[in-house]
Amino acid sequence: MRGAYKPGNEWISALLRVGENKGIRGFITGLPNGRPLGNSQTFQTLHADWSNFRRELIMADILRNTRKRAKMRFYAASAMLLSLCLPLATFGAPSVFPRGEATINKSSEIYTGYTLYLSCQVNRVILLDWNGIEVHSWQSPDLAGGMCDNVLPLPGGHILVHVGKEPDRRIVELDWDGAVVWEYYNPDFAFLHHDFEREANGNTLILGSQYRTVPAVAAREIKDDLIVEVDKDGKEVWRWSTADHYGQLSLSAQARKIIRDGHQKDFVNDVRDVFHTNSIQILPANAYASKNSAFKEGNILVSQRNANIIFIIDKQTKKIVWQMANQTVGQHQSKMIPKTDMDGKALPGAGNIILFDNGGEAGFPKVTRFYSSVLEFNPVTQKKAWEYNATMSGQPIRRFFSPFRSSTQRLPNGNTLILEAEWGRIFEVKKAGGIVWEYINPYCSKDTGVNEVYRVYRLNLDWASNLAF
C-alpha cells in the first residue's frame, strides 16, 4: 500500500488551473515539469495520479458534450484528490512505481534483449537492457524536432530517425556513435512523419504529406498523405498518393459526404487531415501470398488512423488490392509478422497482421471506445487469431487505454511487446496475458509535463555487439 502524500500549494494550484476549455494538455502544462520521474516516491506517486486523471480528461474531451465533460472533470478531480491518500485502484498507472529501471521483470519468462525507444522529452534515443537500465544513447537537440516520433533500428547498431522541425525536417541514419551516414530532405513535403522502412536493396520507403486541393475528395485544401521510395542517393524512384486513389478506399457514401463537407474535425481540430496515415510496411515473404496475390512480398501495408482503415497497395500497379475497414478505432503500427526477426529467429504468427487498436475516437462518422487492445488476425479471412486487453492481465478493461500513438511487436518466444504510448508504459505479455516485464519512460516534457513515447522495439543481444561492458 502506498503511503499518504499531502500535496503542497504548487499541486493544488495546478489542479485549480483545470479550466473547462483547457483540456488535457492545458492541465498538464500547469504541472511542475522538465524533470525526470527519478527515484522520488512523491513524484512516482503523483505520476500515477496524473496518469489516471489525464485518462479521465481525455475520455471527457472525446465525449464533446459540455455538461458531460464538466461532470467528468469534477469526478476525475475528486478521484485524483482521493487517490493522493488511497492506493491506486483504477487505471492510469504502472503496476509498480517507475524508478528508471524495469518495474516488472520476471526474468525466466521474458524475451531477453535490448529495448529501443526515442524519448522526445530529452531529445535522446535510448537503449535499455533487460533490467531497464540505460546502456547506450544517441543524443541530439534536433532529434525528432522535439516531437515524439519514430526511430527504426537497422542492422549493425545503426538507427533511422526524424531530425529537426518542419519545414526543415529530415530523416537521418546514425551509426552506433551518432555520426550521420545517410540523410534525406525534400522541401516539397509539408511534413515527414510517423514512419519509414529500409528495404533490402538499400532504398528507403518514406511517409510524408503535402497540402493539395483534390476536387474528387473535397473542394477545400486537404493534407494528402504520400508514400515515396528513394534510393541511396535520395533520388525518388516511386511515389503513391492517397488522394489520387481515394476512389478505391472502402468508404461509405456517408463517409465521403462527411469528408467532402468538412464538418467533422480530427482530434487536433483540423478538417484537412482526412486520412492521417501512421504506418507503412513492405510486406515480408509469407505463406498467404500463395493464396492471394495481394499479400505478395514487396507490396505495401498502410494504416490510416482517421478513417479506421488498413489496406495493401500493389507495388507494381499502385492499386489498392486488399483492405479492412471499420474493424478498429484509430489503430497504429499495423504490421505483418515476418517469418523471422532481424537476426533470423522464427516468429510465432508469421503472416498474420498485428496492430495496436487504440480506441478513443476516429472514423467517418466518428466511433468512440474508451479502451485499447492489441489485435492479431489472419489477413485472408480477417478473423481474429489473438487479442490482448487489460482483462487478460486481471485488470479492468479501461486500465489499458492509449487513444494516440502506441505500438506492438511479436517476439521470438511468443510473447508480445506493447507500448501504451500516452503514458510512456512499455510492457511484455505472454500469450495468456500475464505481464512479465514493464518499464515506464522516466522523463517528462518541459512543455506538457507528460512522458509519452511513440514507438518501441525489442532487439536481440547481438544487435548491440558494439556495446562495451
Protein backbone atom coordinates (compact mmCIF):
# COMPACT_ATOMS: atom_id res chain seq x y z
CA MET A 1 0.00 0.00 0.00
CA ARG A 2 1.29 3.41 -0.92
CA GLY A 3 1.92 5.95 1.80
CA ALA A 4 -0.22 9.07 2.08
CA TYR A 5 1.01 12.28 0.45
CA LYS A 6 -0.17 15.76 1.33
CA PRO A 7 0.05 17.94 -1.77
CA GLY A 8 1.76 21.28 -1.50
CA ASN A 9 0.44 24.54 -2.89
CA GLU A 10 2.02 24.00 -6.34
CA TRP A 11 -0.05 20.84 -6.88
CA ILE A 12 -3.25 22.38 -5.54
CA SER A 13 -2.68 25.38 -7.83
CA ALA A 14 -2.13 23.06 -10.79
CA LEU A 15 -5.39 21.28 -10.07
CA LEU A 16 -7.31 24.54 -9.74
CA ARG A 17 -5.98 25.67 -13.14
CA VAL A 18 -8.03 22.99 -14.87
CA GLY A 19 -10.49 25.06 -16.89
CA GLU A 20 -13.48 23.86 -18.87
CA ASN A 21 -11.83 24.64 -22.20
CA LYS A 22 -8.19 23.86 -21.38
CA GLY A 23 -8.41 20.11 -21.92
CA ILE A 24 -5.78 17.56 -21.11
CA ARG A 25 -2.76 19.41 -22.50
CA GLY A 26 -3.65 22.63 -20.73
CA PHE A 27 -3.86 20.82 -17.42
CA ILE A 28 -0.56 19.02 -17.81
CA THR A 29 1.20 22.23 -18.86
CA GLY A 30 0.34 23.64 -15.46
CA LEU A 31 2.35 21.00 -13.62
CA PRO A 32 5.95 21.29 -12.46
CA ASN A 33 7.85 19.88 -15.40
CA GLY A 34 11.13 19.38 -17.18
CA ARG A 35 12.30 16.79 -14.68
CA PRO A 36 12.63 13.02 -14.71
CA LEU A 37 10.43 10.88 -12.52
CA GLY A 38 13.63 9.59 -11.00
CA ASN A 39 13.51 7.80 -7.67
CA SER A 40 11.35 10.27 -5.76
CA GLN A 41 8.48 8.38 -4.14
CA THR A 42 6.48 11.60 -4.10
CA PHE A 43 6.90 12.14 -7.83
CA GLN A 44 6.27 8.47 -8.57
CA THR A 45 3.04 8.62 -6.62
CA LEU A 46 1.95 11.80 -8.34
CA HIS A 47 2.83 10.41 -11.77
CA ALA A 48 0.39 7.58 -11.17
CA ASP A 49 -2.30 10.06 -10.11
CA TRP A 50 -1.69 12.41 -13.06
CA SER A 51 -1.88 9.46 -15.48
CA ASN A 52 -5.19 8.42 -14.02
CA PHE A 53 -6.53 11.98 -14.16
CA ARG A 54 -5.29 12.50 -17.73
CA ARG A 55 -7.18 9.43 -18.95
CA GLU A 56 -10.38 10.72 -17.41
CA LEU A 57 -9.86 14.09 -19.09
CA ILE A 58 -9.21 12.50 -22.48
CA MET A 59 -12.40 10.49 -22.21
CA ALA A 60 -14.28 13.63 -21.22
CA ASP A 61 -12.86 15.61 -24.14
CA ILE A 62 -13.81 12.83 -26.55
CA LEU A 63 -17.42 12.99 -25.42
CA ARG A 64 -17.54 16.59 -26.73
CA ASN A 65 -20.51 17.44 -24.57
CA THR A 66 -20.01 20.41 -22.26
CA ARG A 67 -22.21 19.17 -19.43
CA LYS A 68 -20.85 15.64 -19.56
CA ARG A 69 -17.31 16.96 -19.83
CA ALA A 70 -17.72 19.26 -16.84
CA LYS A 71 -19.23 16.44 -14.80
CA MET A 72 -16.46 14.04 -15.84
CA ARG A 73 -13.79 16.55 -14.83
CA PHE A 74 -15.43 17.04 -11.45
CA TYR A 75 -15.47 13.30 -10.81
CA ALA A 76 -11.93 12.89 -12.13
CA ALA A 77 -10.62 15.70 -9.93
CA SER A 78 -12.35 14.22 -6.89
CA ALA A 79 -10.92 10.78 -7.70
CA MET A 80 -7.43 12.21 -8.06
CA LEU A 81 -7.55 14.01 -4.73
CA LEU A 82 -8.75 10.85 -3.03
CA SER A 83 -6.06 8.79 -4.73
CA LEU A 84 -3.36 11.00 -3.21
CA CYS A 85 -4.20 9.30 0.08
CA LEU A 86 -5.51 5.92 -1.10
CA PRO A 87 -3.93 3.03 -3.03
CA LEU A 88 -4.46 3.26 -6.78
CA ALA A 89 -7.39 1.01 -7.63
CA THR A 90 -8.20 2.05 -11.17
CA PHE A 91 -6.34 2.55 -14.43
CA GLY A 92 -3.68 5.01 -15.49
CA ALA A 93 -0.55 3.95 -13.65
CA PRO A 94 2.23 1.38 -13.88
CA SER A 95 1.90 -1.86 -11.97
CA VAL A 96 4.51 -0.55 -9.56
CA PHE A 97 6.12 2.87 -9.43
CA PRO A 98 8.67 3.93 -12.08
CA ARG A 99 12.24 4.20 -10.90
CA GLY A 100 14.40 4.38 -14.03
CA GLU A 101 14.55 0.60 -14.40
CA ALA A 102 12.15 -2.25 -15.11
CA THR A 103 9.14 -2.10 -12.80
CA ILE A 104 8.30 -5.75 -13.52
CA ASN A 105 10.95 -8.26 -14.54
CA LYS A 106 10.13 -11.97 -14.46
CA SER A 107 13.48 -12.83 -15.95
CA SER A 108 12.76 -16.50 -16.65
CA GLU A 109 9.69 -15.62 -18.75
CA ILE A 110 10.80 -12.57 -20.74
CA TYR A 111 12.47 -12.42 -24.14
CA THR A 112 15.93 -11.24 -23.14
CA GLY A 113 17.15 -8.42 -25.33
CA TYR A 114 17.56 -4.67 -25.64
CA THR A 115 14.67 -2.20 -25.84
CA LEU A 116 14.97 0.85 -28.12
CA TYR A 117 12.84 3.99 -27.98
CA LEU A 118 13.02 7.75 -28.55
CA SER A 119 12.43 9.97 -25.52
CA CYS A 120 11.48 13.26 -27.15
CA GLN A 121 11.40 14.84 -23.69
CA VAL A 122 15.21 14.75 -23.54
CA ASN A 123 15.95 14.51 -27.31
CA ARG A 124 17.58 11.15 -26.85
CA VAL A 125 17.23 7.70 -28.41
CA ILE A 126 17.62 5.27 -25.55
CA LEU A 127 18.75 1.65 -25.48
CA LEU A 128 17.74 -0.30 -22.37
CA ASP A 129 18.98 -3.67 -21.23
CA TRP A 130 16.64 -6.40 -19.93
CA ASN A 131 16.72 -4.83 -16.47
CA GLY A 132 15.52 -1.50 -17.83
CA ILE A 133 18.92 0.15 -17.32
CA GLU A 134 20.06 2.62 -19.97
CA VAL A 135 23.20 1.21 -21.60
CA HIS A 136 23.56 3.40 -24.69
CA SER A 137 22.01 6.50 -26.24
CA TRP A 138 22.08 8.80 -29.24
CA GLN A 139 21.79 12.43 -28.12
CA SER A 140 20.93 15.48 -30.24
CA PRO A 141 18.90 18.66 -29.69
CA ASP A 142 17.42 18.10 -33.18
CA LEU A 143 16.19 14.54 -32.66
CA ALA A 144 12.59 14.42 -33.92
CA GLY A 145 12.46 18.18 -33.52
CA GLY A 146 11.12 17.67 -30.02
CA MET A 147 8.29 15.56 -31.43
CA CYS A 148 7.58 12.08 -30.11
CA ASP A 149 8.12 10.18 -33.34
CA ASN A 150 9.61 7.01 -34.75
CA VAL A 151 13.10 5.57 -34.51
CA LEU A 152 13.90 2.46 -36.57
CA PRO A 153 16.71 0.04 -35.68
CA LEU A 154 18.89 -1.04 -38.61
CA PRO A 155 21.49 -3.83 -38.76
CA GLY A 156 24.91 -3.16 -37.27
CA GLY A 157 23.72 -0.91 -34.46
CA HIS A 158 22.53 1.87 -36.78
CA ILE A 159 19.24 3.76 -36.39
CA LEU A 160 16.96 5.73 -38.71
CA VAL A 161 15.26 8.74 -37.12
CA HIS A 162 13.48 12.02 -37.87
CA VAL A 163 15.54 15.14 -37.14
CA GLY A 164 14.51 18.79 -36.96
CA LYS A 165 11.20 20.64 -37.22
CA GLU A 166 9.09 21.46 -40.24
CA PRO A 167 9.72 22.82 -42.80
CA ASP A 168 13.33 21.66 -42.38
CA ARG A 169 12.59 18.18 -41.11
CA ARG A 170 14.68 15.36 -42.50
CA ILE A 171 15.43 11.68 -41.96
CA VAL A 172 18.93 10.61 -40.96
CA GLU A 173 20.72 7.33 -40.45
CA LEU A 174 23.07 7.39 -37.46
CA ASP A 175 25.78 4.87 -36.74
CA TRP A 176 26.47 3.47 -33.27
CA ASP A 177 28.49 6.54 -32.33
CA GLY A 178 25.90 9.01 -33.58
CA ALA A 179 27.62 10.03 -36.81
CA VAL A 180 25.31 10.79 -39.76
CA VAL A 181 25.90 8.23 -42.52
CA TRP A 182 22.80 8.99 -44.65
CA GLU A 183 20.31 11.83 -44.87
CA TYR A 184 17.09 12.61 -46.74
CA TYR A 185 15.43 16.00 -47.10
CA ASN A 186 12.74 17.10 -49.55
CA PRO A 187 11.46 20.71 -49.47
CA ASP A 188 8.40 19.67 -51.49
CA PHE A 189 6.92 17.93 -48.44
CA ALA A 190 4.89 19.87 -45.90
CA PHE A 191 5.58 17.07 -43.40
CA LEU A 192 7.74 14.00 -43.00
CA HIS A 193 6.01 11.97 -40.34
CA HIS A 194 5.26 8.76 -38.48
CA ASP A 195 7.07 6.01 -40.37
CA PHE A 196 9.79 4.84 -42.75
CA GLU A 197 11.25 1.48 -43.83
CA ARG A 198 14.67 0.47 -45.11
CA GLU A 199 14.45 -2.03 -47.98
CA ALA A 200 16.77 -4.97 -48.62
CA ASN A 201 18.25 -3.18 -51.68
CA GLY A 202 19.19 -0.15 -49.56
CA ASN A 203 16.30 2.03 -50.73
CA THR A 204 14.10 3.74 -48.14
CA LEU A 205 10.29 3.95 -48.06
CA ILE A 206 9.14 7.25 -46.54
CA LEU A 207 5.81 8.65 -45.39
CA GLY A 208 5.11 12.35 -45.94
CA SER A 209 2.34 14.84 -46.72
CA GLN A 210 1.50 17.74 -48.99
CA TYR A 211 -1.36 20.20 -48.86
CA ARG A 212 -3.47 19.92 -52.03
CA THR A 213 -6.91 20.67 -53.37
CA VAL A 214 -8.32 17.49 -54.92
CA PRO A 215 -11.91 18.00 -56.18
CA ALA A 216 -12.61 14.26 -56.06
CA VAL A 217 -12.09 14.41 -52.28
CA ALA A 218 -13.25 17.91 -51.31
CA ALA A 219 -13.37 21.45 -52.64
CA ARG A 220 -11.20 22.67 -49.75
CA GLU A 221 -7.50 22.06 -49.20
CA ILE A 222 -6.63 18.69 -47.64
CA LYS A 223 -3.47 17.07 -46.37
CA ASP A 224 -2.63 14.35 -48.88
CA ASP A 225 -0.53 11.53 -47.45
CA LEU A 226 2.21 10.34 -49.79
CA ILE A 227 4.48 7.31 -49.78
CA VAL A 228 7.76 7.69 -51.65
CA GLU A 229 10.68 5.38 -52.25
CA VAL A 230 14.14 6.89 -52.57
CA ASP A 231 17.45 5.26 -53.47
CA LYS A 232 20.73 5.54 -51.57
CA ASP A 233 21.39 8.91 -53.22
CA GLY A 234 17.99 10.28 -52.17
CA LYS A 235 16.58 10.10 -55.69
CA GLU A 236 12.86 9.38 -55.80
CA VAL A 237 12.10 6.15 -57.68
CA TRP A 238 8.45 5.53 -56.71
CA ARG A 239 5.52 7.59 -55.40
CA TRP A 240 1.95 6.91 -54.27
CA SER A 241 -0.73 9.44 -53.31
CA THR A 242 -3.75 8.67 -51.11
CA ALA A 243 -5.87 11.39 -52.73
CA ASP A 244 -5.14 10.08 -56.22
CA HIS A 245 -6.50 6.65 -55.16
CA TYR A 246 -9.32 7.99 -52.99
CA GLY A 247 -11.99 6.25 -55.06
CA GLN A 248 -10.52 2.84 -54.22
CA LEU A 249 -10.85 3.25 -50.44
CA SER A 250 -13.63 1.32 -48.66
CA LEU A 251 -15.58 4.39 -47.59
CA SER A 252 -19.36 4.57 -47.43
CA ALA A 253 -21.41 7.27 -49.14
CA GLN A 254 -21.99 8.79 -45.71
CA ALA A 255 -18.24 8.84 -45.00
CA ARG A 256 -17.48 10.52 -48.33
CA LYS A 257 -20.12 13.17 -47.66
CA ILE A 258 -18.65 13.91 -44.22
CA ILE A 259 -15.19 14.25 -45.77
CA ARG A 260 -16.46 16.39 -48.65
CA ASP A 261 -18.45 18.74 -46.40
CA GLY A 262 -15.63 19.09 -43.87
CA HIS A 263 -17.99 19.21 -40.91
CA GLN A 264 -16.02 16.69 -38.86
CA LYS A 265 -12.67 17.78 -37.46
CA ASP A 266 -9.94 15.39 -36.44
CA PHE A 267 -8.53 15.12 -32.92
CA VAL A 268 -6.46 18.30 -33.36
CA ASN A 269 -9.39 20.18 -34.89
CA ASP A 270 -8.04 20.06 -38.44
CA VAL A 271 -10.56 19.28 -41.19
CA ARG A 272 -7.68 18.99 -43.67
CA ASP A 273 -6.17 15.86 -42.07
CA VAL A 274 -8.61 13.43 -43.66
CA PHE A 275 -6.51 10.25 -43.69
CA HIS A 276 -3.73 10.58 -41.07
CA THR A 277 -1.55 7.73 -42.30
CA ASN A 278 0.52 6.45 -39.37
CA SER A 279 2.32 3.30 -40.54
CA ILE A 280 3.70 1.71 -43.69
CA GLN A 281 5.34 -1.68 -44.20
CA ILE A 282 6.93 -3.51 -47.10
CA LEU A 283 5.30 -6.93 -46.89
CA PRO A 284 7.75 -9.71 -45.99
CA ALA A 285 7.72 -13.18 -47.56
CA ASN A 286 4.70 -15.03 -46.20
CA ALA A 287 2.62 -18.18 -46.72
CA TYR A 288 -0.57 -16.25 -47.54
CA ALA A 289 0.87 -14.92 -50.81
CA SER A 290 0.24 -18.30 -52.44
CA LYS A 291 -3.47 -17.99 -51.61
CA ASN A 292 -3.92 -14.33 -52.52
CA SER A 293 -1.54 -12.23 -54.63
CA ALA A 294 -2.46 -9.16 -52.56
CA PHE A 295 -0.07 -10.47 -49.92
CA LYS A 296 2.91 -10.95 -52.20
CA GLU A 297 6.28 -9.91 -50.88
CA GLY A 298 7.09 -6.27 -51.66
CA ASN A 299 3.53 -4.92 -51.59
CA ILE A 300 2.89 -2.15 -49.07
CA LEU A 301 0.66 -2.34 -45.98
CA VAL A 302 -0.77 1.02 -44.89
CA SER A 303 -2.65 2.18 -41.78
CA GLN A 304 -4.83 5.31 -41.83
CA ARG A 305 -5.98 6.31 -38.39
CA ASN A 306 -8.70 8.86 -39.07
CA ALA A 307 -10.59 6.55 -41.45
CA ASN A 308 -10.25 3.37 -39.32
CA ILE A 309 -8.84 1.57 -42.34
CA ILE A 310 -5.81 -0.51 -43.27
CA PHE A 311 -5.03 -1.57 -46.83
CA ILE A 312 -2.41 -3.06 -49.13
CA ILE A 313 -1.03 -1.35 -52.24
CA ASP A 314 0.21 -3.47 -55.13
CA LYS A 315 3.70 -2.05 -55.62
CA GLN A 316 3.67 -2.57 -59.40
CA THR A 317 0.15 -1.44 -60.32
CA LYS A 318 -0.25 1.07 -57.44
CA LYS A 319 -3.81 -0.19 -56.94
CA ILE A 320 -5.33 -0.95 -53.55
CA VAL A 321 -5.75 -4.73 -53.64
CA TRP A 322 -6.83 -5.52 -50.07
CA GLN A 323 -8.37 -3.58 -47.21
CA MET A 324 -10.04 -3.92 -43.83
CA ALA A 325 -12.32 -1.09 -42.76
CA ASN A 326 -14.15 -0.18 -39.57
CA GLN A 327 -12.89 -3.15 -37.56
CA THR A 328 -10.61 -0.97 -35.42
CA VAL A 329 -10.69 2.52 -33.91
CA GLY A 330 -7.74 4.85 -34.53
CA GLN A 331 -5.25 1.97 -34.96
CA HIS A 332 -1.45 2.32 -35.08
CA GLN A 333 1.51 0.27 -36.33
CA SER A 334 -0.30 -2.26 -38.49
CA LYS A 335 2.41 -4.75 -39.47
CA MET A 336 2.53 -8.24 -40.95
CA ILE A 337 4.53 -10.53 -38.68
CA PRO A 338 7.58 -11.67 -40.68
CA LYS A 339 8.82 -15.27 -40.68
CA THR A 340 11.90 -14.26 -38.73
CA ASP A 341 13.25 -11.26 -36.87
CA MET A 342 16.29 -9.22 -37.90
CA ASP A 343 18.63 -11.97 -36.71
CA GLY A 344 16.81 -14.91 -38.29
CA LYS A 345 14.88 -16.12 -35.23
CA ALA A 346 11.44 -17.56 -36.09
CA LEU A 347 8.39 -15.52 -35.03
CA PRO A 348 5.09 -17.18 -33.99
CA GLY A 349 2.10 -15.96 -36.01
CA ALA A 350 4.15 -15.25 -39.13
CA GLY A 351 1.95 -13.89 -41.94
CA ASN A 352 -0.73 -12.59 -39.61
CA ILE A 353 -1.20 -8.85 -39.20
CA ILE A 354 -0.75 -7.41 -35.72
CA LEU A 355 -1.72 -3.88 -34.72
CA PHE A 356 -2.41 -1.60 -31.78
CA ASP A 357 -6.17 -0.94 -31.76
CA ASN A 358 -6.20 2.35 -29.85
CA GLY A 359 -9.82 3.16 -29.26
CA GLY A 360 -10.54 6.77 -28.47
CA GLU A 361 -12.29 8.47 -31.38
CA ALA A 362 -11.91 8.04 -35.15
CA GLY A 363 -13.85 7.21 -38.31
CA PHE A 364 -16.46 8.78 -40.58
CA PRO A 365 -18.78 9.14 -38.73
CA LYS A 366 -16.78 9.01 -35.55
CA VAL A 367 -16.74 5.89 -33.42
CA THR A 368 -15.81 6.14 -29.74
CA ARG A 369 -14.33 3.50 -27.46
CA PHE A 370 -12.61 4.01 -24.10
CA TYR A 371 -10.10 1.16 -24.03
CA SER A 372 -7.27 -0.19 -26.18
CA SER A 373 -6.35 -3.67 -27.35
CA VAL A 374 -3.69 -5.42 -29.41
CA LEU A 375 -5.22 -7.35 -32.29
CA GLU A 376 -3.66 -10.14 -34.39
CA PHE A 377 -5.66 -11.52 -37.31
CA ASN A 378 -5.43 -13.73 -40.38
CA PRO A 379 -5.43 -11.32 -43.36
CA VAL A 380 -7.08 -13.82 -45.71
CA THR A 381 -10.12 -14.48 -43.53
CA GLN A 382 -9.83 -11.28 -41.45
CA LYS A 383 -10.64 -13.44 -38.42
CA LYS A 384 -9.01 -12.76 -35.07
CA ALA A 385 -6.09 -15.03 -34.15
CA TRP A 386 -5.23 -13.38 -30.82
CA GLU A 387 -6.13 -10.31 -28.82
CA TYR A 388 -4.78 -8.62 -25.72
CA ASN A 389 -6.72 -6.27 -23.49
CA ALA A 390 -6.37 -5.40 -19.81
CA THR A 391 -8.80 -8.09 -18.65
CA MET A 392 -6.27 -10.73 -19.75
CA SER A 393 -3.94 -9.33 -17.08
CA GLY A 394 -6.67 -9.39 -14.45
CA GLN A 395 -7.36 -5.65 -14.69
CA PRO A 396 -10.40 -3.54 -15.59
CA ILE A 397 -10.66 -3.18 -19.36
CA ARG A 398 -10.12 0.60 -19.25
CA ARG A 399 -6.86 0.12 -17.36
CA PHE A 400 -5.18 -0.22 -20.78
CA PHE A 401 -6.01 2.81 -22.94
CA SER A 402 -3.87 5.00 -25.18
CA PRO A 403 -6.03 6.91 -27.69
CA PHE A 404 -2.99 8.11 -29.66
CA ARG A 405 0.33 6.66 -30.89
CA SER A 406 1.42 3.24 -29.47
CA SER A 407 2.94 0.09 -30.95
CA THR A 408 3.30 -3.67 -30.63
CA GLN A 409 5.83 -6.33 -31.65
CA ARG A 410 5.74 -10.14 -31.67
CA LEU A 411 8.81 -11.70 -30.04
CA PRO A 412 10.56 -15.00 -30.86
CA ASN A 413 9.43 -16.67 -27.61
CA GLY A 414 5.75 -16.00 -28.43
CA ASN A 415 5.44 -13.04 -26.07
CA THR A 416 4.31 -9.65 -27.35
CA LEU A 417 5.92 -6.28 -26.60
CA ILE A 418 3.38 -3.47 -26.18
CA LEU A 419 3.75 0.30 -25.86
CA GLU A 420 0.91 2.20 -24.17
CA ALA A 421 2.24 5.42 -25.65
CA GLU A 422 0.36 8.19 -23.89
CA TRP A 423 1.62 7.02 -20.52
CA GLY A 424 5.14 6.02 -21.60
CA ARG A 425 4.46 2.45 -20.50
CA ILE A 426 6.34 -0.40 -22.22
CA PHE A 427 5.42 -3.93 -21.23
CA GLU A 428 5.76 -7.53 -22.39
CA VAL A 429 2.92 -10.04 -22.10
CA LYS A 430 2.64 -13.79 -22.51
CA LYS A 431 0.03 -15.25 -24.85
CA ALA A 432 -2.38 -15.75 -21.95
CA GLY A 433 -1.95 -12.09 -20.94
CA GLY A 434 0.37 -12.25 -17.96
CA ILE A 435 2.70 -9.24 -17.71
CA VAL A 436 6.32 -10.40 -17.41
CA TRP A 437 8.20 -7.13 -18.00
CA GLU A 438 7.34 -3.45 -17.65
CA TYR A 439 9.18 -0.14 -17.91
CA ILE A 440 7.95 3.45 -17.65
CA ASN A 441 9.69 6.27 -19.53
CA PRO A 442 11.05 8.32 -16.60
CA TYR A 443 11.28 11.66 -18.44
CA CYS A 444 8.62 14.38 -18.55
CA SER A 445 8.32 17.08 -21.21
CA LYS A 446 9.22 20.65 -20.29
CA ASP A 447 6.26 21.84 -22.37
CA THR A 448 3.50 19.39 -21.49
CA GLY A 449 4.66 17.55 -18.40
CA VAL A 450 3.91 14.17 -19.99
CA ASN A 451 6.17 11.17 -20.67
CA GLU A 452 4.67 9.84 -23.91
CA VAL A 453 6.62 7.59 -26.30
CA TYR A 454 5.74 7.00 -29.96
CA ARG A 455 7.13 3.53 -30.73
CA VAL A 456 9.36 0.87 -29.17
CA TYR A 457 11.38 -2.14 -30.38
CA ARG A 458 12.87 -5.19 -28.65
CA LEU A 459 16.21 -6.22 -30.18
CA ASN A 460 18.34 -9.33 -29.89
CA LEU A 461 21.53 -9.14 -27.84
CA ASP A 462 23.68 -9.39 -30.98
CA TRP A 463 22.27 -6.09 -32.30
CA ALA A 464 24.33 -4.15 -29.76
CA SER A 465 27.57 -6.03 -30.36
CA ASN A 466 29.42 -2.69 -30.14
CA LEU A 467 28.38 -2.31 -26.54
CA ALA A 468 31.34 -2.34 -24.20
CA PHE A 469 30.90 -3.84 -20.75
